[in-house]
N, C-alpha and C. Protein backbone atom coordinates (compact mmCIF):
# COMPACT_ATOMS: atom_id res chain seq x y z
N MET A 1 31.64 -15.99 33.68
CA MET A 1 31.13 -16.74 32.54
C MET A 1 32.30 -17.36 31.77
N THR A 2 32.25 -18.67 31.51
CA THR A 2 33.34 -19.32 30.80
C THR A 2 33.34 -18.91 29.34
N ALA A 3 34.50 -19.11 28.69
CA ALA A 3 34.61 -18.76 27.28
C ALA A 3 33.66 -19.59 26.44
N LEU A 4 33.49 -20.88 26.81
CA LEU A 4 32.61 -21.75 26.04
C LEU A 4 31.16 -21.31 26.15
N ARG A 5 30.75 -20.97 27.37
CA ARG A 5 29.36 -20.52 27.55
C ARG A 5 29.11 -19.22 26.80
N PHE A 6 30.07 -18.33 26.82
CA PHE A 6 29.94 -17.08 26.08
C PHE A 6 29.79 -17.35 24.59
N THR A 7 30.57 -18.30 24.07
CA THR A 7 30.51 -18.63 22.65
C THR A 7 29.13 -19.17 22.29
N ARG A 8 28.57 -20.04 23.17
CA ARG A 8 27.25 -20.60 22.91
C ARG A 8 26.19 -19.51 22.89
N LEU A 9 26.24 -18.59 23.82
CA LEU A 9 25.26 -17.51 23.86
C LEU A 9 25.40 -16.60 22.65
N ALA A 10 26.65 -16.35 22.26
CA ALA A 10 26.86 -15.49 21.10
C ALA A 10 26.31 -16.15 19.84
N THR A 11 26.50 -17.46 19.71
CA THR A 11 25.98 -18.20 18.56
C THR A 11 24.45 -18.15 18.53
N LEU A 12 23.83 -18.32 19.69
CA LEU A 12 22.38 -18.27 19.78
C LEU A 12 21.86 -16.89 19.41
N ALA A 13 22.52 -15.84 19.89
CA ALA A 13 22.09 -14.48 19.59
C ALA A 13 22.20 -14.20 18.09
N TRP A 14 23.29 -14.68 17.50
CA TRP A 14 23.49 -14.50 16.06
C TRP A 14 22.38 -15.20 15.29
N ALA A 15 22.02 -16.39 15.72
CA ALA A 15 20.98 -17.16 15.04
C ALA A 15 19.62 -16.47 15.14
N CYS A 16 19.31 -15.97 16.31
CA CYS A 16 18.02 -15.28 16.50
C CYS A 16 17.93 -14.05 15.60
N ALA A 17 19.03 -13.32 15.50
CA ALA A 17 19.05 -12.14 14.65
C ALA A 17 18.87 -12.51 13.19
N LEU A 18 19.48 -13.61 12.78
CA LEU A 18 19.37 -14.06 11.40
C LEU A 18 17.96 -14.50 11.08
N VAL A 19 17.35 -15.26 11.99
CA VAL A 19 15.97 -15.69 11.78
C VAL A 19 15.04 -14.50 11.72
N ALA A 20 15.27 -13.51 12.56
CA ALA A 20 14.42 -12.31 12.55
C ALA A 20 14.45 -11.62 11.21
N GLY A 21 15.57 -11.77 10.50
CA GLY A 21 15.68 -11.14 9.21
C GLY A 21 14.74 -11.73 8.17
N PHE A 22 14.25 -12.95 8.40
CA PHE A 22 13.32 -13.56 7.48
C PHE A 22 11.90 -13.08 7.71
N ALA A 23 11.61 -12.51 8.86
CA ALA A 23 10.24 -12.13 9.20
C ALA A 23 9.90 -10.77 8.62
N PRO A 24 8.66 -10.58 8.13
CA PRO A 24 8.26 -9.29 7.59
C PRO A 24 7.98 -8.29 8.69
N SER A 25 8.06 -7.01 8.34
CA SER A 25 7.68 -5.96 9.28
C SER A 25 6.17 -5.93 9.40
N ALA A 26 5.66 -6.03 10.61
CA ALA A 26 4.21 -6.12 10.81
C ALA A 26 3.51 -4.80 10.56
N PHE A 27 4.22 -3.68 10.56
CA PHE A 27 3.58 -2.38 10.48
C PHE A 27 4.04 -1.58 9.26
N ALA A 28 4.73 -2.22 8.32
CA ALA A 28 5.26 -1.49 7.18
C ALA A 28 4.16 -1.01 6.25
N GLY A 29 3.07 -1.76 6.10
CA GLY A 29 2.01 -1.41 5.18
C GLY A 29 2.40 -1.71 3.75
N ILE A 30 1.49 -1.40 2.82
CA ILE A 30 1.72 -1.61 1.40
C ILE A 30 1.71 -0.26 0.71
N VAL A 31 2.75 0.02 -0.07
CA VAL A 31 2.84 1.28 -0.79
C VAL A 31 2.43 1.05 -2.24
N TYR A 32 1.36 1.73 -2.66
CA TYR A 32 0.86 1.62 -4.03
C TYR A 32 1.25 2.87 -4.82
N THR A 33 1.70 2.68 -6.04
CA THR A 33 1.98 3.79 -6.94
C THR A 33 0.69 4.16 -7.66
N MET A 34 0.33 5.44 -7.64
CA MET A 34 -0.94 5.89 -8.22
C MET A 34 -0.98 5.68 -9.73
N THR A 35 -2.18 5.35 -10.23
CA THR A 35 -2.40 5.24 -11.67
C THR A 35 -2.45 6.63 -12.30
N ASN A 36 -1.65 6.84 -13.31
CA ASN A 36 -1.66 8.09 -14.07
C ASN A 36 -2.57 7.91 -15.27
N ALA A 37 -3.81 8.41 -15.17
CA ALA A 37 -4.79 8.28 -16.25
C ALA A 37 -4.61 9.43 -17.24
N SER A 38 -3.52 9.40 -17.98
CA SER A 38 -3.11 10.55 -18.79
C SER A 38 -4.16 10.94 -19.82
N ASP A 39 -4.90 9.98 -20.37
CA ASP A 39 -5.89 10.30 -21.40
C ASP A 39 -7.10 11.04 -20.83
N LEU A 40 -7.26 11.04 -19.51
CA LEU A 40 -8.44 11.62 -18.89
C LEU A 40 -8.17 12.94 -18.18
N GLN A 41 -6.93 13.33 -18.09
CA GLN A 41 -6.55 14.39 -17.15
C GLN A 41 -6.26 15.73 -17.81
N GLU A 42 -6.76 15.92 -19.03
CA GLU A 42 -6.68 17.20 -19.70
C GLU A 42 -5.27 17.78 -19.70
N GLY A 43 -4.30 16.93 -19.99
CA GLY A 43 -2.92 17.38 -20.09
C GLY A 43 -2.14 17.35 -18.79
N TRP A 44 -2.79 17.03 -17.69
CA TRP A 44 -2.11 16.93 -16.40
C TRP A 44 -1.52 15.53 -16.22
N ALA A 45 -0.39 15.45 -15.55
CA ALA A 45 0.22 14.17 -15.19
C ALA A 45 0.13 14.00 -13.68
N LEU A 46 -0.17 12.79 -13.25
CA LEU A 46 -0.30 12.47 -11.83
C LEU A 46 0.77 11.46 -11.44
N SER A 47 1.48 11.74 -10.36
CA SER A 47 2.41 10.76 -9.80
C SER A 47 2.29 10.83 -8.28
N GLY A 48 2.46 9.68 -7.65
CA GLY A 48 2.36 9.68 -6.19
C GLY A 48 2.19 8.28 -5.65
N THR A 49 2.06 8.20 -4.34
CA THR A 49 1.91 6.92 -3.67
C THR A 49 0.83 7.01 -2.60
N ILE A 50 0.24 5.85 -2.31
CA ILE A 50 -0.74 5.71 -1.23
C ILE A 50 -0.30 4.52 -0.39
N THR A 51 -0.18 4.72 0.91
CA THR A 51 0.22 3.62 1.80
C THR A 51 -1.00 3.14 2.58
N VAL A 52 -1.24 1.83 2.51
CA VAL A 52 -2.38 1.20 3.17
C VAL A 52 -1.85 0.24 4.23
N SER A 53 -2.54 0.17 5.35
CA SER A 53 -2.06 -0.63 6.48
C SER A 53 -1.98 -2.12 6.17
N GLY A 54 -2.80 -2.60 5.24
CA GLY A 54 -2.77 -4.01 4.89
C GLY A 54 -3.87 -4.34 3.90
N THR A 55 -3.94 -5.58 3.46
CA THR A 55 -4.95 -5.98 2.51
C THR A 55 -6.31 -6.11 3.18
N GLY A 56 -7.36 -6.05 2.36
CA GLY A 56 -8.70 -6.22 2.90
C GLY A 56 -9.75 -5.66 1.97
N THR A 57 -11.02 -5.87 2.32
CA THR A 57 -12.15 -5.36 1.56
C THR A 57 -12.94 -4.37 2.42
N GLY A 58 -13.68 -3.50 1.75
CA GLY A 58 -14.50 -2.55 2.48
C GLY A 58 -13.70 -1.60 3.35
N LEU A 59 -12.49 -1.26 2.92
CA LEU A 59 -11.61 -0.44 3.75
C LEU A 59 -12.04 1.02 3.76
N GLY A 60 -11.87 1.67 4.91
CA GLY A 60 -12.21 3.07 5.06
C GLY A 60 -10.98 3.93 5.29
N TYR A 61 -11.21 5.14 5.75
CA TYR A 61 -10.13 6.12 5.87
C TYR A 61 -9.02 5.67 6.83
N SER A 62 -9.37 4.88 7.86
CA SER A 62 -8.37 4.49 8.85
C SER A 62 -7.32 3.55 8.26
N ALA A 63 -7.61 2.93 7.11
CA ALA A 63 -6.64 2.03 6.48
C ALA A 63 -5.57 2.79 5.71
N ILE A 64 -5.82 4.07 5.43
CA ILE A 64 -4.85 4.88 4.68
C ILE A 64 -3.90 5.51 5.69
N THR A 65 -2.64 5.07 5.68
CA THR A 65 -1.68 5.55 6.68
C THR A 65 -0.76 6.64 6.15
N GLY A 66 -0.78 6.90 4.86
CA GLY A 66 0.05 7.96 4.31
C GLY A 66 -0.16 8.08 2.81
N TRP A 67 0.11 9.27 2.28
CA TRP A 67 0.01 9.48 0.84
C TRP A 67 0.77 10.74 0.45
N ALA A 68 1.15 10.80 -0.81
CA ALA A 68 1.82 11.98 -1.36
C ALA A 68 1.62 11.94 -2.87
N TYR A 69 1.39 13.10 -3.47
CA TYR A 69 1.22 13.12 -4.92
C TYR A 69 1.60 14.48 -5.50
N THR A 70 1.87 14.46 -6.80
CA THR A 70 2.19 15.66 -7.56
C THR A 70 1.38 15.65 -8.84
N VAL A 71 0.77 16.77 -9.18
CA VAL A 71 0.12 16.94 -10.48
C VAL A 71 0.92 17.99 -11.24
N THR A 72 1.18 17.71 -12.51
CA THR A 72 2.06 18.57 -13.30
C THR A 72 1.47 18.78 -14.69
N LYS A 73 1.54 20.02 -15.15
CA LYS A 73 1.14 20.36 -16.52
C LYS A 73 2.07 21.47 -17.00
N GLY A 74 3.02 21.10 -17.85
CA GLY A 74 4.02 22.07 -18.27
C GLY A 74 4.84 22.53 -17.08
N ARG A 75 4.90 23.83 -16.86
CA ARG A 75 5.64 24.37 -15.73
C ARG A 75 4.79 24.50 -14.47
N ASP A 76 3.52 24.19 -14.59
CA ASP A 76 2.60 24.28 -13.45
C ASP A 76 2.63 22.96 -12.69
N SER A 77 2.98 22.99 -11.41
CA SER A 77 3.09 21.77 -10.63
C SER A 77 2.61 22.01 -9.21
N HIS A 78 1.91 21.02 -8.66
CA HIS A 78 1.40 21.11 -7.29
C HIS A 78 1.71 19.79 -6.59
N THR A 79 2.28 19.89 -5.39
CA THR A 79 2.64 18.70 -4.62
C THR A 79 1.99 18.76 -3.25
N TYR A 80 1.38 17.67 -2.84
CA TYR A 80 0.70 17.59 -1.55
C TYR A 80 1.03 16.26 -0.89
N SER A 81 0.86 16.21 0.43
CA SER A 81 1.06 14.95 1.13
C SER A 81 0.23 14.92 2.40
N SER A 82 0.16 13.74 3.00
CA SER A 82 -0.61 13.58 4.23
C SER A 82 0.04 14.31 5.40
N ASN A 83 1.26 14.79 5.22
CA ASN A 83 1.95 15.55 6.27
C ASN A 83 1.62 17.04 6.24
N ASP A 84 0.92 17.48 5.20
CA ASP A 84 0.58 18.89 5.08
C ASP A 84 -0.43 19.29 6.16
N SER A 85 -0.38 20.55 6.54
CA SER A 85 -1.34 21.07 7.50
C SER A 85 -2.75 20.99 6.94
N GLY A 86 -3.67 20.45 7.71
CA GLY A 86 -5.06 20.36 7.29
C GLY A 86 -5.37 19.20 6.36
N ALA A 87 -4.40 18.30 6.15
CA ALA A 87 -4.64 17.17 5.26
C ALA A 87 -5.60 16.18 5.89
N GLY A 88 -6.36 15.49 5.04
CA GLY A 88 -7.31 14.51 5.54
C GLY A 88 -7.66 13.49 4.48
N VAL A 89 -8.42 12.48 4.87
CA VAL A 89 -8.81 11.39 3.97
C VAL A 89 -10.28 11.06 4.16
N ASN A 90 -11.00 10.91 3.06
CA ASN A 90 -12.31 10.29 3.06
C ASN A 90 -12.20 9.01 2.25
N ALA A 91 -12.72 7.92 2.74
CA ALA A 91 -12.64 6.66 2.01
C ALA A 91 -13.76 5.73 2.46
N ASP A 92 -14.21 4.91 1.51
CA ASP A 92 -15.24 3.94 1.84
C ASP A 92 -15.22 2.85 0.78
N GLY A 93 -15.26 1.59 1.21
CA GLY A 93 -15.43 0.48 0.30
C GLY A 93 -14.22 0.08 -0.51
N LEU A 94 -13.02 0.49 -0.12
CA LEU A 94 -11.83 0.18 -0.91
C LEU A 94 -11.45 -1.30 -0.81
N LEU A 95 -10.80 -1.78 -1.86
CA LEU A 95 -10.27 -3.14 -1.90
C LEU A 95 -8.77 -3.06 -2.09
N ALA A 96 -8.02 -3.65 -1.15
CA ALA A 96 -6.56 -3.67 -1.24
C ALA A 96 -6.09 -5.11 -1.32
N THR A 97 -5.33 -5.43 -2.36
CA THR A 97 -4.73 -6.75 -2.51
C THR A 97 -3.22 -6.58 -2.39
N PRO A 98 -2.45 -7.67 -2.38
CA PRO A 98 -1.00 -7.52 -2.29
C PRO A 98 -0.39 -6.71 -3.42
N THR A 99 -1.11 -6.58 -4.56
CA THR A 99 -0.53 -5.85 -5.69
C THR A 99 -1.40 -4.71 -6.21
N LEU A 100 -2.69 -4.66 -5.84
CA LEU A 100 -3.59 -3.66 -6.42
C LEU A 100 -4.40 -2.93 -5.34
N LEU A 101 -4.61 -1.64 -5.57
CA LEU A 101 -5.55 -0.85 -4.77
C LEU A 101 -6.70 -0.47 -5.69
N ILE A 102 -7.92 -0.86 -5.31
CA ILE A 102 -9.08 -0.78 -6.20
C ILE A 102 -10.21 -0.01 -5.54
N VAL A 103 -10.86 0.86 -6.32
CA VAL A 103 -12.15 1.43 -5.92
C VAL A 103 -13.21 0.58 -6.62
N PRO A 104 -13.90 -0.29 -5.90
CA PRO A 104 -14.82 -1.25 -6.54
C PRO A 104 -16.01 -0.57 -7.20
N TYR A 105 -16.54 -1.24 -8.21
CA TYR A 105 -17.80 -0.82 -8.78
C TYR A 105 -18.90 -1.01 -7.73
N PRO A 106 -19.93 -0.17 -7.78
CA PRO A 106 -20.96 -0.24 -6.73
C PRO A 106 -21.82 -1.49 -6.85
N SER A 107 -22.22 -2.01 -5.70
CA SER A 107 -23.15 -3.13 -5.66
C SER A 107 -24.58 -2.61 -5.81
N GLU A 108 -25.45 -3.46 -6.25
CA GLU A 108 -26.85 -3.06 -6.40
C GLU A 108 -27.41 -2.66 -5.05
N GLY A 109 -28.07 -1.51 -5.02
CA GLY A 109 -28.66 -1.04 -3.79
C GLY A 109 -27.70 -0.29 -2.89
N LEU A 110 -26.46 -0.05 -3.38
CA LEU A 110 -25.49 0.67 -2.56
C LEU A 110 -25.98 2.09 -2.32
N SER A 111 -26.01 2.50 -1.07
CA SER A 111 -26.57 3.81 -0.73
C SER A 111 -25.54 4.93 -0.84
N SER A 112 -24.25 4.58 -0.86
CA SER A 112 -23.21 5.60 -0.98
C SER A 112 -22.11 5.06 -1.88
N PRO A 113 -21.38 5.94 -2.56
CA PRO A 113 -20.37 5.48 -3.51
C PRO A 113 -19.12 4.96 -2.82
N ASN A 114 -18.45 4.01 -3.48
CA ASN A 114 -17.11 3.63 -3.06
C ASN A 114 -16.18 4.74 -3.52
N ASN A 115 -15.29 5.17 -2.65
CA ASN A 115 -14.49 6.32 -3.02
C ASN A 115 -13.23 6.43 -2.18
N LEU A 116 -12.28 7.19 -2.71
CA LEU A 116 -11.11 7.62 -1.95
C LEU A 116 -10.86 9.07 -2.30
N GLN A 117 -10.79 9.91 -1.29
CA GLN A 117 -10.55 11.33 -1.49
C GLN A 117 -9.42 11.78 -0.57
N LEU A 118 -8.37 12.33 -1.17
CA LEU A 118 -7.22 12.86 -0.43
C LEU A 118 -7.33 14.37 -0.42
N MET A 119 -7.47 14.94 0.76
CA MET A 119 -7.74 16.37 0.88
C MET A 119 -6.58 17.08 1.58
N VAL A 120 -6.36 18.32 1.19
CA VAL A 120 -5.34 19.14 1.83
C VAL A 120 -5.91 20.53 2.10
N ARG A 121 -5.31 21.19 3.07
CA ARG A 121 -5.66 22.58 3.40
C ARG A 121 -7.15 22.76 3.59
N GLY A 122 -7.74 21.88 4.40
CA GLY A 122 -9.14 22.03 4.73
C GLY A 122 -10.08 21.91 3.56
N GLY A 123 -9.69 21.14 2.53
CA GLY A 123 -10.54 20.96 1.37
C GLY A 123 -10.18 21.85 0.20
N GLU A 124 -9.15 22.69 0.36
CA GLU A 124 -8.74 23.58 -0.74
C GLU A 124 -8.25 22.78 -1.93
N GLY A 125 -7.56 21.68 -1.66
CA GLY A 125 -7.10 20.79 -2.72
C GLY A 125 -7.68 19.41 -2.51
N SER A 126 -7.89 18.68 -3.58
CA SER A 126 -8.50 17.36 -3.43
C SER A 126 -8.14 16.50 -4.63
N LEU A 127 -7.88 15.23 -4.35
CA LEU A 127 -7.69 14.22 -5.39
C LEU A 127 -8.68 13.11 -5.06
N ARG A 128 -9.53 12.76 -6.04
CA ARG A 128 -10.64 11.87 -5.69
C ARG A 128 -10.90 10.84 -6.79
N TRP A 129 -11.16 9.63 -6.34
CA TRP A 129 -11.68 8.56 -7.20
C TRP A 129 -13.00 8.11 -6.60
N LEU A 130 -14.03 7.98 -7.44
CA LEU A 130 -15.35 7.68 -6.90
C LEU A 130 -16.14 6.85 -7.91
N THR A 131 -16.85 5.84 -7.44
CA THR A 131 -17.77 5.09 -8.30
C THR A 131 -19.14 5.08 -7.63
N GLY A 132 -20.15 5.38 -8.42
CA GLY A 132 -21.50 5.29 -7.90
C GLY A 132 -22.21 6.62 -7.80
N LEU A 133 -23.50 6.60 -8.12
CA LEU A 133 -24.42 7.72 -7.87
C LEU A 133 -24.09 8.98 -8.64
N VAL A 134 -23.47 8.85 -9.80
CA VAL A 134 -23.11 10.05 -10.55
C VAL A 134 -23.49 9.95 -12.02
N GLY A 135 -24.39 9.17 -12.46
CA GLY A 135 -24.70 9.07 -13.89
C GLY A 135 -24.39 7.67 -14.39
N GLU A 136 -24.67 7.44 -15.64
CA GLU A 136 -24.52 6.09 -16.19
C GLU A 136 -23.24 5.99 -17.00
N GLY A 137 -22.39 5.07 -16.62
CA GLY A 137 -21.17 4.81 -17.37
C GLY A 137 -21.45 3.84 -18.51
N SER A 138 -20.45 3.62 -19.36
CA SER A 138 -20.61 2.76 -20.52
C SER A 138 -20.91 1.31 -20.13
N ASP A 139 -20.54 0.92 -18.91
CA ASP A 139 -20.79 -0.43 -18.44
C ASP A 139 -22.13 -0.55 -17.71
N GLY A 140 -22.91 0.52 -17.74
CA GLY A 140 -24.22 0.47 -17.09
C GLY A 140 -24.17 0.77 -15.61
N LEU A 141 -22.97 1.03 -15.07
CA LEU A 141 -22.84 1.35 -13.66
C LEU A 141 -22.60 2.84 -13.48
N PRO A 142 -23.26 3.45 -12.49
CA PRO A 142 -22.94 4.86 -12.22
C PRO A 142 -21.46 4.99 -11.87
N SER A 143 -20.80 5.97 -12.44
CA SER A 143 -19.38 6.08 -12.18
C SER A 143 -18.87 7.49 -12.40
N GLN A 144 -17.78 7.81 -11.74
CA GLN A 144 -17.16 9.11 -11.90
C GLN A 144 -15.70 9.04 -11.50
N TYR A 145 -14.86 9.74 -12.21
CA TYR A 145 -13.47 9.93 -11.79
C TYR A 145 -13.24 11.42 -11.77
N ALA A 146 -12.75 11.95 -10.68
CA ALA A 146 -12.53 13.38 -10.61
C ALA A 146 -11.30 13.68 -9.78
N ALA A 147 -10.58 14.70 -10.18
CA ALA A 147 -9.45 15.17 -9.39
C ALA A 147 -9.36 16.66 -9.61
N PHE A 148 -9.23 17.41 -8.55
CA PHE A 148 -9.26 18.86 -8.74
C PHE A 148 -8.70 19.62 -7.54
N ASP A 149 -8.10 20.74 -7.80
CA ASP A 149 -7.83 21.76 -6.81
C ASP A 149 -9.00 22.72 -6.91
N ASN A 150 -9.24 23.15 -8.10
CA ASN A 150 -10.44 23.85 -8.52
C ASN A 150 -10.77 23.22 -9.88
N PRO A 151 -12.00 22.83 -10.13
CA PRO A 151 -12.27 22.13 -11.39
C PRO A 151 -11.75 22.84 -12.63
N SER A 152 -11.65 24.15 -12.58
CA SER A 152 -11.14 24.87 -13.75
C SER A 152 -9.62 24.84 -13.80
N ASP A 153 -8.97 24.52 -12.68
CA ASP A 153 -7.51 24.50 -12.64
C ASP A 153 -6.94 23.12 -12.97
N TRP A 154 -7.57 22.07 -12.42
CA TRP A 154 -7.10 20.72 -12.68
C TRP A 154 -8.06 20.07 -13.65
N TRP A 155 -8.61 18.93 -13.29
CA TRP A 155 -9.50 18.24 -14.21
C TRP A 155 -10.65 17.60 -13.45
N TYR A 156 -11.72 17.39 -14.17
CA TYR A 156 -12.93 16.79 -13.61
C TYR A 156 -13.56 15.96 -14.71
N VAL A 157 -13.64 14.66 -14.53
CA VAL A 157 -14.10 13.78 -15.59
C VAL A 157 -15.19 12.86 -15.06
N GLU A 158 -16.30 12.77 -15.78
CA GLU A 158 -17.37 11.85 -15.43
C GLU A 158 -17.45 10.72 -16.44
N ASN A 159 -17.82 9.54 -15.95
CA ASN A 159 -18.06 8.37 -16.79
C ASN A 159 -16.91 8.04 -17.72
N PRO A 160 -15.70 7.95 -17.21
CA PRO A 160 -14.57 7.69 -18.10
C PRO A 160 -14.37 6.21 -18.38
N ALA A 161 -13.60 5.93 -19.41
CA ALA A 161 -13.10 4.57 -19.62
C ALA A 161 -11.75 4.53 -18.90
N PHE A 162 -11.76 4.16 -17.63
CA PHE A 162 -10.56 4.24 -16.81
C PHE A 162 -9.50 3.28 -17.37
N PRO A 163 -8.25 3.73 -17.46
CA PRO A 163 -7.22 2.95 -18.16
C PRO A 163 -6.85 1.63 -17.52
N LEU A 164 -6.97 1.52 -16.19
CA LEU A 164 -6.65 0.27 -15.51
C LEU A 164 -7.87 -0.20 -14.74
N GLU A 165 -8.35 -1.38 -15.11
CA GLU A 165 -9.53 -1.94 -14.45
C GLU A 165 -9.27 -3.39 -14.08
N ALA A 166 -9.94 -3.82 -13.03
CA ALA A 166 -9.98 -5.23 -12.64
C ALA A 166 -11.45 -5.63 -12.64
N THR A 167 -11.72 -6.89 -12.43
CA THR A 167 -13.11 -7.34 -12.38
C THR A 167 -13.90 -6.58 -11.33
N GLU A 168 -13.21 -6.23 -10.23
CA GLU A 168 -13.89 -5.58 -9.10
C GLU A 168 -14.10 -4.09 -9.30
N GLY A 169 -13.25 -3.43 -10.09
CA GLY A 169 -13.40 -1.99 -10.23
C GLY A 169 -12.15 -1.32 -10.78
N TRP A 170 -12.02 -0.03 -10.50
CA TRP A 170 -10.88 0.75 -10.99
C TRP A 170 -9.63 0.47 -10.18
N VAL A 171 -8.54 0.23 -10.87
CA VAL A 171 -7.24 0.06 -10.22
C VAL A 171 -6.60 1.44 -10.12
N ILE A 172 -6.56 1.99 -8.93
CA ILE A 172 -6.01 3.34 -8.76
C ILE A 172 -4.57 3.31 -8.25
N GLY A 173 -4.06 2.12 -7.91
CA GLY A 173 -2.68 2.02 -7.44
C GLY A 173 -2.16 0.61 -7.62
N MET A 174 -0.86 0.51 -7.88
CA MET A 174 -0.23 -0.80 -8.07
C MET A 174 1.02 -0.88 -7.20
N ALA A 175 1.21 -2.05 -6.59
CA ALA A 175 2.39 -2.29 -5.76
C ALA A 175 3.17 -3.46 -6.33
N SER A 176 4.46 -3.43 -6.10
CA SER A 176 5.29 -4.58 -6.48
C SER A 176 4.91 -5.76 -5.61
N PRO A 177 4.92 -6.99 -6.16
CA PRO A 177 4.62 -8.16 -5.32
C PRO A 177 5.52 -8.26 -4.10
N SER A 178 6.73 -7.69 -4.19
CA SER A 178 7.65 -7.74 -3.06
C SER A 178 7.28 -6.76 -1.97
N ALA A 179 6.23 -5.93 -2.22
CA ALA A 179 5.83 -4.94 -1.20
C ALA A 179 5.24 -5.60 0.03
N VAL A 180 4.72 -6.83 -0.14
CA VAL A 180 4.19 -7.58 1.01
C VAL A 180 5.12 -8.76 1.24
N PRO A 181 6.07 -8.64 2.15
CA PRO A 181 7.04 -9.71 2.34
C PRO A 181 6.40 -10.96 2.90
N GLU A 182 6.95 -12.10 2.52
CA GLU A 182 6.46 -13.37 3.02
C GLU A 182 7.57 -14.07 3.79
N ILE A 183 7.18 -14.83 4.79
CA ILE A 183 8.15 -15.57 5.58
C ILE A 183 8.60 -16.80 4.80
N ASP A 184 9.88 -16.96 4.63
CA ASP A 184 10.44 -18.12 3.94
C ASP A 184 10.64 -19.23 4.97
N LEU A 185 9.64 -20.12 5.08
CA LEU A 185 9.71 -21.17 6.09
C LEU A 185 10.86 -22.12 5.84
N ALA A 186 11.14 -22.41 4.56
CA ALA A 186 12.26 -23.30 4.24
C ALA A 186 13.57 -22.67 4.68
N GLY A 187 13.68 -21.35 4.46
CA GLY A 187 14.91 -20.66 4.86
C GLY A 187 15.09 -20.66 6.36
N ILE A 188 14.00 -20.43 7.10
CA ILE A 188 14.08 -20.45 8.55
C ILE A 188 14.46 -21.84 9.05
N GLY A 189 13.92 -22.88 8.40
CA GLY A 189 14.26 -24.24 8.80
C GLY A 189 15.74 -24.52 8.61
N SER A 190 16.31 -24.00 7.53
CA SER A 190 17.74 -24.21 7.29
C SER A 190 18.58 -23.52 8.34
N VAL A 191 18.15 -22.31 8.70
CA VAL A 191 18.89 -21.57 9.73
C VAL A 191 18.84 -22.29 11.06
N LEU A 192 17.64 -22.75 11.44
CA LEU A 192 17.50 -23.45 12.72
C LEU A 192 18.31 -24.74 12.73
N ALA A 193 18.36 -25.44 11.58
CA ALA A 193 19.18 -26.65 11.51
C ALA A 193 20.64 -26.33 11.72
N LEU A 194 21.07 -25.20 11.13
CA LEU A 194 22.46 -24.78 11.29
C LEU A 194 22.75 -24.44 12.75
N VAL A 195 21.81 -23.75 13.38
CA VAL A 195 21.99 -23.37 14.79
C VAL A 195 22.06 -24.62 15.66
N THR A 196 21.14 -25.56 15.43
CA THR A 196 21.12 -26.79 16.22
C THR A 196 22.43 -27.56 16.08
N GLY A 197 22.92 -27.65 14.86
CA GLY A 197 24.17 -28.35 14.62
C GLY A 197 25.34 -27.67 15.31
N SER A 198 25.36 -26.33 15.26
CA SER A 198 26.46 -25.59 15.88
C SER A 198 26.47 -25.77 17.39
N LEU A 199 25.27 -25.69 18.00
CA LEU A 199 25.19 -25.86 19.44
C LEU A 199 25.55 -27.29 19.85
N GLY A 200 25.16 -28.28 19.01
CA GLY A 200 25.52 -29.66 19.31
C GLY A 200 27.02 -29.88 19.26
N LEU A 201 27.67 -29.23 18.28
CA LEU A 201 29.12 -29.35 18.17
C LEU A 201 29.81 -28.74 19.39
N LEU A 202 29.31 -27.59 19.82
CA LEU A 202 29.89 -26.95 21.00
C LEU A 202 29.71 -27.82 22.24
N GLU A 203 28.55 -28.48 22.37
CA GLU A 203 28.31 -29.33 23.52
C GLU A 203 29.25 -30.53 23.53
N ARG A 204 29.49 -31.13 22.34
CA ARG A 204 30.40 -32.26 22.28
C ARG A 204 31.83 -31.86 22.65
N ARG A 205 32.23 -30.65 22.21
CA ARG A 205 33.56 -30.17 22.57
C ARG A 205 33.68 -29.98 24.08
N ARG A 206 32.57 -29.51 24.69
CA ARG A 206 32.59 -29.28 26.13
C ARG A 206 32.78 -30.61 26.87
N LEU A 207 32.09 -31.67 26.40
CA LEU A 207 32.20 -32.97 27.07
C LEU A 207 33.58 -33.57 26.90
N ILE A 208 34.19 -33.36 25.72
CA ILE A 208 35.52 -33.91 25.48
C ILE A 208 36.58 -33.26 26.37
N THR A 209 36.43 -31.92 26.52
CA THR A 209 37.44 -31.16 27.28
C THR A 209 37.17 -31.19 28.78
N ALA A 210 35.96 -31.67 29.18
CA ALA A 210 35.62 -31.67 30.61
C ALA A 210 36.48 -32.69 31.37
């Protein structure tokens, strides 16, 4: 292989690697930070994250690819994650946008509630958000927010004024807009123009020296 041909291949490889850097990871998912509803949690604080495979409506358990959370009250603290033995997920009707994870308010005639439940140790621990079929909320919609290891240990709240709401329902998680990367087409065009120019220059040098 001549030195010139090697240089051209090296330039092309460098360009491909640079362009690849503009592309988003197809399997990274969106990481949402859980809403800490401090006024509803009887002195408990909630922190954690929920990872969803991508945006969409009517999402179920298969869209939840990972989660971890901690509940704390004074010196009492409990931490769980999807990696724990016996961990599981129940979910139905979720709405995921590039920045918000929402449990929607129920539609008229809905036969089951929209919900997300993160379970550990075969149901021994549970963190749950649920709307529907549990009584009348102040907005006229059946609603419930509950989170518990044992209702007497953690908290259990019905018909709350949830601190973060969207038109569609309760906002239970928020992600940074940068959590869903976008392809910068203008940037890729600039890179390709640079690559084309570099290869053209190398070709002209080859013809001159030939």
